[in-house]
Protein backbone atom coordinates (compact mmCIF):
# COMPACT_ATOMS: atom_id res chain seq x y z
CA MET A 1 0.04 0.02 0.08
CA SER A 2 1.43 3.49 -1.02
CA ALA A 3 1.98 6.23 1.58
CA ASN A 4 -0.77 8.32 0.05
CA ALA A 5 -3.54 5.36 0.44
CA PRO A 6 -6.06 5.87 3.14
CA ASN A 7 -6.02 3.49 5.98
CA VAL A 8 -8.79 1.10 5.52
CA ALA A 9 -8.58 -0.71 8.77
CA GLY A 10 -11.90 -0.83 10.54
CA ASN A 11 -14.20 0.32 7.94
CA ASN A 12 -17.79 0.09 8.40
CA ILE A 13 -18.98 -1.39 5.20
CA ARG A 14 -19.85 -4.50 6.88
CA SER A 15 -21.72 -3.22 9.81
CA ILE A 16 -23.70 -0.80 7.70
CA ARG A 17 -24.74 -3.46 5.27
CA ILE A 18 -25.96 -5.61 8.04
CA GLU A 19 -27.75 -2.61 9.60
CA ARG A 20 -29.50 -2.26 6.24
CA GLY A 21 -30.08 -6.00 6.15
CA LEU A 22 -28.26 -6.70 2.96
CA THR A 23 -26.13 -9.50 1.97
CA GLN A 24 -22.82 -9.07 0.13
CA GLN A 25 -24.33 -10.26 -2.72
CA GLN A 26 -27.07 -7.47 -2.63
CA LEU A 27 -24.44 -5.05 -2.05
CA ALA A 28 -22.25 -6.23 -4.67
CA ASP A 29 -25.13 -6.11 -7.35
CA ALA A 30 -26.07 -2.49 -6.43
CA VAL A 31 -22.61 -1.49 -6.96
CA GLY A 32 -21.93 -3.40 -9.79
CA VAL A 33 -19.17 -5.77 -8.71
CA HIS A 34 -18.47 -9.59 -7.72
CA PHE A 35 -19.33 -10.28 -4.25
CA THR A 36 -16.10 -11.28 -3.53
CA THR A 37 -14.81 -7.66 -4.10
CA ILE A 38 -17.28 -6.64 -1.36
CA ALA A 39 -15.96 -9.27 1.08
CA LYS A 40 -12.49 -8.00 0.39
CA LEU A 41 -13.27 -4.37 0.77
CA GLU A 42 -14.68 -5.35 4.21
CA ARG A 43 -11.82 -7.33 5.43
CA SER A 44 -9.28 -4.58 4.16
CA MET A 45 -7.83 -7.06 1.92
CA ARG A 46 -8.42 -4.53 -1.06
CA ARG A 47 -7.54 -0.85 -0.84
CA LEU A 48 -10.53 1.30 -0.30
CA SER A 49 -9.92 4.29 -2.73
CA ALA A 50 -12.20 7.17 -2.68
CA ASP A 51 -14.02 6.20 -5.81
CA TRP A 52 -15.01 3.12 -3.70
CA ILE A 53 -16.15 4.86 -0.63
CA VAL A 54 -18.30 7.03 -2.69
CA LYS A 55 -19.87 4.00 -4.61
CA ILE A 56 -20.60 1.98 -1.85
CA ALA A 57 -21.83 5.15 0.56
CA ASP A 58 -24.28 5.78 -2.36
CA ALA A 59 -25.17 2.12 -2.36
CA LEU A 60 -26.06 1.92 1.21
CA ASN A 61 -27.54 5.19 1.24
CA VAL A 62 -25.26 6.80 3.73
CA GLN A 63 -22.60 9.75 3.85
CA PRO A 64 -19.05 8.73 2.75
CA GLY A 65 -17.61 9.70 5.58
CA GLU A 66 -19.57 7.19 7.47
CA ILE A 67 -17.94 4.37 5.83
CA ILE A 68 -14.63 5.13 7.09
CA SER A 69 -15.26 7.09 10.43
CA LEU A 70 -14.45 5.57 13.76
CA ARG A 71 -17.49 4.00 15.24
CA THR A 72 -17.43 4.22 18.91
CA VAL A 73 -21.08 3.01 20.04
CA GLU A 74 -20.60 0.26 22.11
CA ARG A 75 -23.25 -2.83 21.27
CA ALA A 76 -25.94 -3.62 24.00
CA PRO A 77 -25.40 -7.24 25.77
CA ALA A 78 -27.31 -9.88 24.05
CA ARG A 79 -30.66 -10.48 25.86
CA ALA A 80 -33.83 -12.77 25.07
CA VAL A 81 -36.91 -11.33 23.11
CA PRO A 82 -40.26 -12.79 22.72
CA VAL A 83 -40.92 -14.34 19.42
CA VAL A 84 -44.60 -12.83 19.52
CA GLY A 85 -45.84 -14.56 16.27
CA LYS A 86 -45.78 -14.77 12.61
CA ILE A 87 -45.64 -12.08 10.00
CA ALA A 88 -46.57 -12.31 6.49
CA ALA A 89 -43.70 -11.77 3.85
CA GLY A 90 -45.73 -12.33 1.03
CA ASN A 91 -49.57 -11.20 0.71
CA TRP A 92 -51.32 -9.58 3.39
CA ARG A 93 -52.70 -12.09 5.87
CA GLU A 94 -53.66 -11.98 9.85
CA ALA A 95 -50.72 -12.13 11.96
CA VAL A 96 -50.44 -15.18 14.21
CA GLN A 97 -50.01 -14.78 17.80
CA ASP A 98 -47.86 -17.31 19.41
CA ALA A 99 -45.31 -16.05 22.37
CA THR A 100 -43.81 -19.71 23.06
CA ASP A 101 -40.55 -19.10 21.84
CA TRP A 102 -37.46 -16.60 22.40
CA VAL A 103 -34.40 -15.76 20.47
CA PHE A 104 -31.13 -13.74 21.68
CA THR A 105 -30.17 -10.17 20.08
CA ASN A 106 -28.29 -7.29 21.06
CA ASP A 107 -30.34 -4.90 18.51
CA GLY A 108 -33.21 -2.81 19.23
CA GLY A 109 -34.75 -1.17 22.11
CA PRO A 110 -36.22 -2.54 25.26
CA ASN A 111 -39.41 -3.30 23.60
CA SER A 112 -38.17 -5.11 20.53
CA PHE A 113 -39.75 -8.65 19.71
CA ALA A 114 -39.23 -11.24 17.32
CA LEU A 115 -41.31 -12.42 14.46
CA TYR A 116 -40.78 -15.44 12.01
CA PRO A 117 -41.51 -14.25 8.32
CA ASP A 118 -44.04 -16.15 6.48
CA GLY A 119 -43.84 -16.60 2.67
CA ASP A 120 -41.03 -15.96 0.31
CA SER A 121 -41.24 -12.33 -0.77
CA MET A 122 -38.54 -11.16 1.54
CA ASN A 123 -36.40 -14.26 1.10
CA LYS A 124 -33.14 -12.44 -0.45
CA VAL A 125 -33.23 -10.81 3.03
CA VAL A 126 -34.35 -13.40 5.36
CA PRO A 127 -33.23 -17.07 4.94
CA PRO A 128 -35.69 -19.90 5.36
CA ASN A 129 -36.09 -20.91 9.29
CA GLY A 130 -35.12 -17.35 9.67
CA TYR A 131 -36.65 -14.66 12.31
CA VAL A 132 -36.48 -10.80 12.30
CA ILE A 133 -36.10 -8.25 15.15
CA VAL A 134 -38.85 -5.47 15.20
CA ASP A 135 -38.37 -2.39 17.18
CA PRO A 136 -41.86 -0.85 17.83
CA ASP A 137 -40.32 2.26 19.07
CA ALA A 138 -38.61 3.00 15.60
CA PHE A 139 -41.42 3.87 13.22
CA GLU A 140 -40.20 6.84 11.07
CA LEU A 141 -39.95 5.55 7.48
CA LEU A 142 -36.56 5.71 6.25
CA ASP A 143 -35.91 4.87 2.42
CA GLY A 144 -34.12 1.54 2.11
CA ARG A 145 -35.08 0.36 5.70
CA TYR A 146 -37.21 -2.82 6.41
CA TYR A 147 -40.51 -2.51 8.03
CA ALA A 148 -43.39 -4.70 9.70
CA ILE A 149 -46.38 -3.10 8.48
CA MET A 150 -50.09 -3.74 9.43
CA ASN A 151 -53.18 -2.74 7.38
CA GLY A 152 -56.64 -1.65 8.02
CA GLU A 153 -57.60 -5.32 8.81
CA ASN A 154 -55.20 -5.83 11.14
CA GLU A 155 -52.97 -7.98 8.69
CA THR A 156 -49.34 -7.67 8.65
CA THR A 157 -46.45 -7.91 6.23
CA PHE A 158 -42.81 -7.27 6.11
CA LYS A 159 -41.01 -5.27 3.36
CA GLN A 160 -38.65 -2.75 2.51
CA TYR A 161 -39.59 0.98 2.19
CA ARG A 162 -38.74 2.88 -1.07
CA ALA A 163 -39.70 6.50 -1.12
CA ASP A 164 -39.70 7.50 -4.81
CA PRO A 165 -42.57 6.56 -5.29
CA PRO A 166 -43.58 5.60 -1.64
CA ARG A 167 -43.89 1.77 -1.88
CA LEU A 168 -43.41 -1.36 0.17
CA ALA A 169 -40.93 -3.37 -2.01
CA PRO A 170 -40.32 -7.06 -1.88
CA CYS A 171 -36.85 -8.52 -1.99
CA SER A 172 -37.58 -11.75 -3.23
CA THR A 173 -36.20 -14.49 -5.92
CA ASN A 174 -39.91 -14.92 -6.96
CA PRO A 175 -40.89 -12.51 -9.45
CA GLU A 176 -44.66 -12.92 -8.85
CA HIS A 177 -44.16 -10.62 -5.79
CA LYS A 178 -44.60 -6.60 -6.74
CA PRO A 179 -44.35 -3.54 -5.03
CA VAL A 180 -47.37 -2.33 -2.99
CA LEU A 181 -47.73 1.56 -3.62
CA LEU A 182 -48.58 3.45 -0.52
CA GLY A 183 -51.44 5.89 -0.23
CA ARG A 184 -54.09 3.65 -1.62
CA GLU A 185 -55.40 2.39 1.89
CA PRO A 186 -54.44 3.18 5.48
CA PHE A 187 -51.61 1.54 7.31
CA THR A 188 -49.89 1.33 10.34
CA VAL A 189 -45.98 0.96 10.71
CA VAL A 190 -45.67 -1.74 13.52
CA GLY A 191 -41.78 -1.13 13.71
CA ARG A 192 -38.61 -1.02 12.09
CA ILE A 193 -36.90 -4.25 11.23
CA VAL A 194 -33.35 -3.86 13.03
CA ALA A 195 -32.19 -7.12 12.64
CA GLN A 196 -32.34 -10.77 11.19
CA GLY A 197 -31.14 -14.22 12.27
CA SER A 198 -31.54 -17.80 11.46
CA ARG A 199 -32.48 -20.81 13.75
CA LEU A 200 -30.52 -23.95 13.28
């Protein structure tokens, strides 16, 4: 590495990518590179040039400085949160209440809970047998983030919010799933999806 190359140790690409609920492949697709390039950049195995910083920041919807700035926020210790039921990850359907399971997380606020997605409309984000952590105190809609949404009939789903135009977008390998434009019917934000995990 030359003397003029930026210090890439400890860059924040991986942590921001995970916060956004993206896989290395999804970030690579957004940037237009092979996923191994993202893996090398995350591990500081490849020089993180100014051009890379701008491209990745744009794909992650953050300021370029956030890619390389030092993050000093300490993560909370892992705690058990209840799995309160299932949430549709396909068409709207009634949520099934089932508080018989617990998962561990250090993401989200004190009122966070877990849900098992039902369906395949978000299978690029959450794998089979996966779960999502919902923070009901985080309900402001931010472009690119994921949310649990409830319609006027108290049916729920989990999608990515996109702002232009306002819509709930699927992240699926199944082409049958289409975005749902907002404004045609009332809805309530149950909470932001702050993390996802898998059951073994």
